[in-house]
Amino acid sequence: MHAQSQPYPAWGQPLLGGSPFTADDVERLPDDGFRYEVYRGVLIRMPGTGTQHGLICQFIGEALSAYWRLKGERYRVMQNVGFDFTFPGDPSQSTMLVPDVAVSATNAPPDPGIGKVPPLIAVEIASPSETRAELAAKAQFYLGGGVAEVWTVWPKTRTVDVWTTPNAPITHTDQQTLTSAHLPGWQCLISTFFDG
């Protein structure tokens, strides 16, 4: 399922020490302005989000939700929801990633806790401190974990990298229209992601 076997991911800041963490432990952490994921039991701290990041999440969520609502499917688009990417043989919920926006593979009402099935599409919005190498590694991890398509959104350059294979993304500018094989008939001008 996952080709990556290094002890820590290439993104975020591993926080070493203490017992192995799980997704349940992350849900009990106090709100300290950071975002957290878990990778093989290691807590990974990432930069908190700002206003621009939040608005981009909202704009992308709105564009995707409108598409699914026309199909009568209300439970497809979510923001900041953890998904279980636990490696085979590892303790339950010991790897959890939290895409900024996700499109669920099914239209089922959510269960409590983290998603058990990888999303169809995962969207990551780059924070100013995140590098292309870090988010490329994360996109490749998502793809290896069963996500069909990954969008990496770069606010500074107003571009979107679309990953469907781990080799290389296709980069789109804000003057282009984004489509997806997983969203038949959907199209969205990429500037909408940044301007609403």
Protein backbone atom coordinates (compact mmCIF):
# COMPACT_ATOMS: atom_id res chain seq x y z
CA MET A 1 0.00 0.00 0.00
CA HIS A 2 2.73 2.50 0.93
CA ALA A 3 6.15 2.61 -0.71
CA GLN A 4 7.49 5.13 1.80
CA SER A 5 9.13 3.35 4.74
CA GLN A 6 11.28 6.09 6.28
CA PRO A 7 10.61 6.71 9.98
CA TYR A 8 9.27 10.27 9.47
CA PRO A 9 7.55 12.03 6.60
CA ALA A 10 9.19 14.75 4.56
CA TRP A 11 6.54 17.27 5.65
CA GLY A 12 5.87 18.89 9.01
CA GLN A 13 7.93 18.72 12.19
CA PRO A 14 8.14 15.34 13.96
CA LEU A 15 7.67 15.70 17.73
CA LEU A 16 9.64 12.92 19.32
CA GLY A 17 9.16 11.51 22.78
CA GLY A 18 6.27 10.12 24.71
CA SER A 19 4.11 7.14 23.86
CA PRO A 20 3.18 6.35 20.27
CA PHE A 21 0.32 8.60 19.17
CA THR A 22 -2.91 7.67 17.44
CA ALA A 23 -5.67 9.65 15.73
CA ASP A 24 -7.64 9.55 18.99
CA ASP A 25 -4.76 11.27 20.80
CA VAL A 26 -4.74 14.07 18.21
CA GLU A 27 -8.44 14.72 18.78
CA ARG A 28 -7.71 15.30 22.48
CA LEU A 29 -4.86 17.79 21.97
CA PRO A 30 -5.53 21.38 23.06
CA ASP A 31 -5.96 24.00 20.37
CA ASP A 32 -2.52 25.61 20.27
CA GLY A 33 -2.62 27.19 16.81
CA PHE A 34 -0.86 24.30 15.06
CA ARG A 35 -2.27 21.45 13.00
CA TYR A 36 -1.32 17.86 13.74
CA GLU A 37 -1.13 14.57 11.89
CA VAL A 38 0.24 11.19 12.99
CA TYR A 39 2.79 9.18 11.02
CA ARG A 40 3.56 5.66 12.29
CA GLY A 41 2.81 6.75 15.86
CA VAL A 42 4.88 9.96 15.68
CA LEU A 43 3.05 13.24 16.16
CA ILE A 44 3.70 15.62 13.24
CA ARG A 45 3.20 19.34 13.85
CA MET A 46 2.44 21.65 10.94
CA PRO A 47 1.94 25.41 10.71
CA GLY A 48 -1.42 26.77 11.72
CA THR A 49 -3.61 28.28 9.06
CA GLY A 50 -4.35 31.93 8.41
CA THR A 51 -7.20 33.84 6.86
CA GLN A 52 -6.06 33.34 3.27
CA HIS A 53 -5.68 29.60 3.81
CA GLY A 54 -9.16 29.39 5.34
CA LEU A 55 -10.77 31.33 2.51
CA ILE A 56 -9.10 29.17 -0.14
CA CYS A 57 -10.42 26.06 1.66
CA GLN A 58 -13.87 27.62 1.68
CA PHE A 59 -13.78 28.62 -2.00
CA ILE A 60 -12.61 25.17 -3.11
CA GLY A 61 -15.16 23.49 -0.85
CA GLU A 62 -17.95 25.64 -2.29
CA ALA A 63 -16.95 24.88 -5.90
CA LEU A 64 -16.88 21.14 -5.22
CA SER A 65 -20.00 21.09 -3.02
CA ALA A 66 -22.07 22.85 -5.70
CA TYR A 67 -21.18 20.06 -8.15
CA TRP A 68 -22.14 17.27 -5.74
CA ARG A 69 -25.32 18.95 -4.50
CA LEU A 70 -26.61 19.11 -8.08
CA LYS A 71 -26.25 15.33 -8.05
CA GLY A 72 -28.12 15.12 -4.74
CA GLU A 73 -25.00 14.07 -2.83
CA ARG A 74 -24.47 16.16 0.31
CA TYR A 75 -21.79 14.12 2.06
CA ARG A 76 -18.98 14.23 -0.49
CA VAL A 77 -16.94 17.35 0.40
CA MET A 78 -15.31 17.98 3.75
CA GLN A 79 -12.62 20.20 5.21
CA ASN A 80 -9.89 19.34 7.73
CA VAL A 81 -11.04 15.77 8.35
CA GLY A 82 -8.54 13.10 9.35
CA PHE A 83 -8.22 9.92 7.30
CA ASP A 84 -6.66 6.64 8.38
CA PHE A 85 -3.57 5.75 6.32
CA THR A 86 -2.17 3.19 8.77
CA PHE A 87 0.51 0.93 7.32
CA PRO A 88 -0.28 -2.80 7.21
CA GLY A 89 0.91 -4.41 10.44
CA ASP A 90 1.06 -1.11 12.38
CA PRO A 91 -1.18 -0.37 15.38
CA SER A 92 -4.68 0.90 14.56
CA GLN A 93 -4.96 4.59 13.60
CA SER A 94 -1.20 5.13 13.92
CA THR A 95 -1.03 7.10 10.65
CA MET A 96 -3.61 9.82 10.09
CA LEU A 97 -3.41 12.61 7.52
CA VAL A 98 -5.70 15.63 7.39
CA PRO A 99 -6.17 17.12 3.92
CA ASP A 100 -7.39 20.71 3.84
CA VAL A 101 -10.28 19.68 1.59
CA ALA A 102 -11.30 16.16 0.64
CA VAL A 103 -13.82 14.57 -1.70
CA SER A 104 -15.18 11.38 -0.23
CA ALA A 105 -15.32 8.26 -2.36
CA THR A 106 -18.91 7.67 -1.21
CA ASN A 107 -21.98 9.73 -0.34
CA ALA A 108 -22.50 8.27 3.12
CA PRO A 109 -23.26 10.31 6.25
CA PRO A 110 -20.04 10.57 8.25
CA ASP A 111 -19.31 8.32 11.20
CA PRO A 112 -17.74 9.78 14.34
CA GLY A 113 -13.97 9.88 14.27
CA ILE A 114 -11.61 9.73 11.34
CA GLY A 115 -12.39 8.53 7.83
CA LYS A 116 -11.63 4.85 7.37
CA VAL A 117 -11.52 4.94 3.55
CA PRO A 118 -9.07 7.24 1.71
CA PRO A 119 -10.72 10.17 -0.02
CA LEU A 120 -11.18 10.18 -3.78
CA ILE A 121 -9.48 13.59 -4.02
CA ALA A 122 -7.25 15.23 -1.39
CA VAL A 123 -6.46 18.95 -1.53
CA GLU A 124 -3.50 20.48 0.29
CA ILE A 125 -3.06 24.25 0.43
CA ALA A 126 0.58 25.24 0.84
CA SER A 127 1.48 27.31 3.86
CA PRO A 128 4.23 29.91 3.36
CA SER A 129 6.76 27.69 5.17
CA GLU A 130 6.00 24.51 3.17
CA THR A 131 8.21 23.60 0.22
CA ARG A 132 7.44 21.89 -3.07
CA ALA A 133 9.56 18.92 -2.02
CA GLU A 134 7.57 18.51 1.21
CA LEU A 135 4.20 18.67 -0.48
CA ALA A 136 5.35 16.48 -3.38
CA ALA A 137 6.26 13.82 -0.81
CA LYS A 138 2.84 14.21 0.79
CA ALA A 139 1.04 13.96 -2.56
CA GLN A 140 2.99 10.81 -3.37
CA PHE A 141 2.08 9.38 0.04
CA TYR A 142 -1.61 10.07 -0.56
CA LEU A 143 -1.47 8.38 -3.97
CA GLY A 144 0.32 5.37 -2.48
CA GLY A 145 -2.37 5.21 0.20
CA GLY A 146 -5.26 4.92 -2.24
CA VAL A 147 -6.19 8.55 -3.03
CA ALA A 148 -7.01 8.83 -6.75
CA GLU A 149 -6.05 12.49 -7.23
CA VAL A 150 -4.21 15.14 -5.20
CA TRP A 151 -4.35 18.89 -5.72
CA THR A 152 -1.58 21.00 -4.20
CA VAL A 153 -2.63 24.65 -4.15
CA TRP A 154 0.07 27.34 -4.13
CA PRO A 155 -1.40 30.71 -3.02
CA LYS A 156 1.81 32.68 -3.62
CA THR A 157 1.99 31.72 -7.32
CA ARG A 158 -1.78 31.16 -7.74
CA THR A 159 -1.16 27.74 -9.25
CA VAL A 160 -2.43 24.21 -8.63
CA ASP A 161 -0.40 21.03 -9.07
CA VAL A 162 -2.60 18.05 -9.96
CA TRP A 163 -1.16 14.65 -9.08
CA THR A 164 -2.67 11.49 -10.56
CA THR A 165 0.59 9.52 -10.62
CA PRO A 166 3.57 9.79 -8.27
CA ASN A 167 5.96 10.79 -11.07
CA ALA A 168 5.13 14.44 -11.69
CA PRO A 169 2.15 16.76 -11.36
CA ILE A 170 0.52 18.84 -14.04
CA THR A 171 0.67 22.50 -12.99
CA HIS A 172 -2.25 24.81 -13.82
CA THR A 173 -2.26 28.61 -13.58
CA ASP A 174 -5.09 30.75 -12.29
CA GLN A 175 -6.07 31.56 -15.89
CA GLN A 176 -6.82 27.91 -16.65
CA THR A 177 -9.87 25.78 -16.02
CA LEU A 178 -9.50 22.71 -13.84
CA THR A 179 -11.33 19.48 -14.65
CA SER A 180 -11.05 15.99 -13.19
CA ALA A 181 -11.77 12.51 -14.49
CA HIS A 182 -13.26 11.85 -11.04
CA LEU A 183 -15.74 14.73 -11.38
CA PRO A 184 -17.44 14.14 -14.76
CA GLY A 185 -18.70 17.41 -16.22
CA TRP A 186 -17.20 19.56 -13.44
CA GLN A 187 -14.99 22.46 -14.37
CA CYS A 188 -13.78 25.44 -12.42
CA LEU A 189 -11.64 28.44 -13.30
CA ILE A 190 -8.66 28.15 -10.95
CA SER A 191 -8.82 31.85 -10.08
CA THR A 192 -12.05 30.96 -8.25
CA PHE A 193 -9.95 29.04 -5.72
CA PHE A 194 -8.20 32.29 -4.78
CA ASP A 195 -10.86 34.95 -5.39
CA GLY A 196 -14.13 33.17 -4.65
